[in-house]
Amino acid sequence: MIQEKTEKMFALCVENKDCDDLEKRKIYQILPDEKATKEGYLRVVDESGEDYLYPESYFIIIQLPHKAQKALQLAS
């Protein structure tokens, strides 16, 4: 039986210029999107609860412990 990768990706917002659905110093879930990444963007689940593309420079990718990931999922 093959186990699916359950670890999610997260990023810390460090800029939100002209983005009403982002808050600085907040952690957001990042969804995989190779095409967007090649263009310098990240697919982010923002305050609206939807995923949108934002400049990669607005975020710092972070590694969270499994326990913290789970807590963020429960808070959603």
Protein backbone atom coordinates (compact mmCIF):
# COMPACT_ATOMS: atom_id res chain seq x y z
CA MET A 1 0.00 0.00 0.00
CA ILE A 2 1.40 3.38 -1.06
CA GLN A 3 1.04 6.16 1.50
CA GLU A 4 0.09 9.57 0.11
CA LYS A 5 2.17 12.58 1.02
CA THR A 6 0.11 14.38 3.66
CA GLU A 7 2.54 17.15 4.54
CA LYS A 8 1.21 20.50 3.41
CA MET A 9 3.20 23.55 2.40
CA PHE A 10 2.93 26.85 4.26
CA ALA A 11 4.33 30.34 3.86
CA LEU A 12 4.60 33.44 5.99
CA CYS A 13 3.22 36.61 4.38
CA VAL A 14 5.78 39.45 4.51
CA GLU A 15 4.12 41.83 2.00
CA ASN A 16 0.52 42.51 0.96
CA LYS A 17 0.72 45.53 -1.34
CA ASP A 18 -2.63 45.95 -3.16
CA CYS A 19 -3.89 42.61 -1.77
CA ASP A 20 -6.92 42.96 0.50
CA ASP A 21 -7.09 39.20 1.11
CA LEU A 22 -3.60 38.88 2.63
CA GLU A 23 -2.40 39.86 6.10
CA LYS A 24 1.26 40.48 6.88
CA ARG A 25 2.81 38.13 9.46
CA LYS A 26 0.11 35.50 8.87
CA ILE A 27 0.76 31.90 7.80
CA TYR A 28 -1.02 30.69 4.66
CA GLN A 29 -1.33 27.29 3.02
CA ILE A 30 0.38 27.02 -0.35
CA LEU A 31 -0.96 24.70 -3.05
CA PRO A 32 1.39 23.05 -5.55
CA ASP A 33 1.41 24.81 -8.94
CA GLU A 34 4.58 24.28 -10.96
CA LYS A 35 3.52 26.60 -13.78
CA ALA A 36 2.84 29.47 -11.36
CA THR A 37 6.15 28.89 -9.56
CA LYS A 38 8.05 29.11 -12.86
CA GLU A 39 6.43 32.51 -13.41
CA GLY A 40 7.36 33.76 -9.91
CA TYR A 41 3.99 33.22 -8.23
CA LEU A 42 2.58 31.02 -5.47
CA ARG A 43 -0.94 29.58 -5.30
CA VAL A 44 -2.13 30.69 -1.86
CA VAL A 45 -5.32 29.94 0.07
CA ASP A 46 -6.05 33.49 1.23
CA GLU A 47 -8.50 35.14 3.64
CA SER A 48 -11.39 34.52 1.23
CA GLY A 49 -10.83 30.77 1.62
CA GLU A 50 -10.12 30.46 -2.10
CA ASP A 51 -6.76 29.92 -3.77
CA TYR A 52 -5.24 32.69 -5.88
CA LEU A 53 -1.86 33.50 -7.35
CA TYR A 54 0.31 36.01 -5.51
CA PRO A 55 3.90 37.14 -6.10
CA GLU A 56 6.36 34.70 -4.56
CA SER A 57 8.25 37.67 -3.11
CA TYR A 58 5.31 38.35 -0.77
CA PHE A 59 6.05 35.12 1.14
CA ILE A 60 8.71 33.12 2.92
CA ILE A 61 8.19 29.34 2.64
CA ILE A 62 8.31 27.74 6.09
CA GLN A 63 8.39 24.20 7.46
CA LEU A 64 5.89 23.53 10.22
CA PRO A 65 5.88 20.56 12.58
CA HIS A 66 3.08 18.07 11.93
CA LYS A 67 1.33 19.13 15.14
CA ALA A 68 1.26 22.79 14.00
CA GLN A 69 -0.06 21.79 10.56
CA LYS A 70 -2.86 19.85 12.19
CA ALA A 71 -3.74 22.80 14.46
CA LEU A 72 -3.95 25.12 11.44
CA GLN A 73 -6.24 22.68 9.64
CA LEU A 74 -8.58 22.52 12.65
CA ALA A 75 -8.68 26.32 12.85
CA SER A 76 -9.88 26.61 9.23
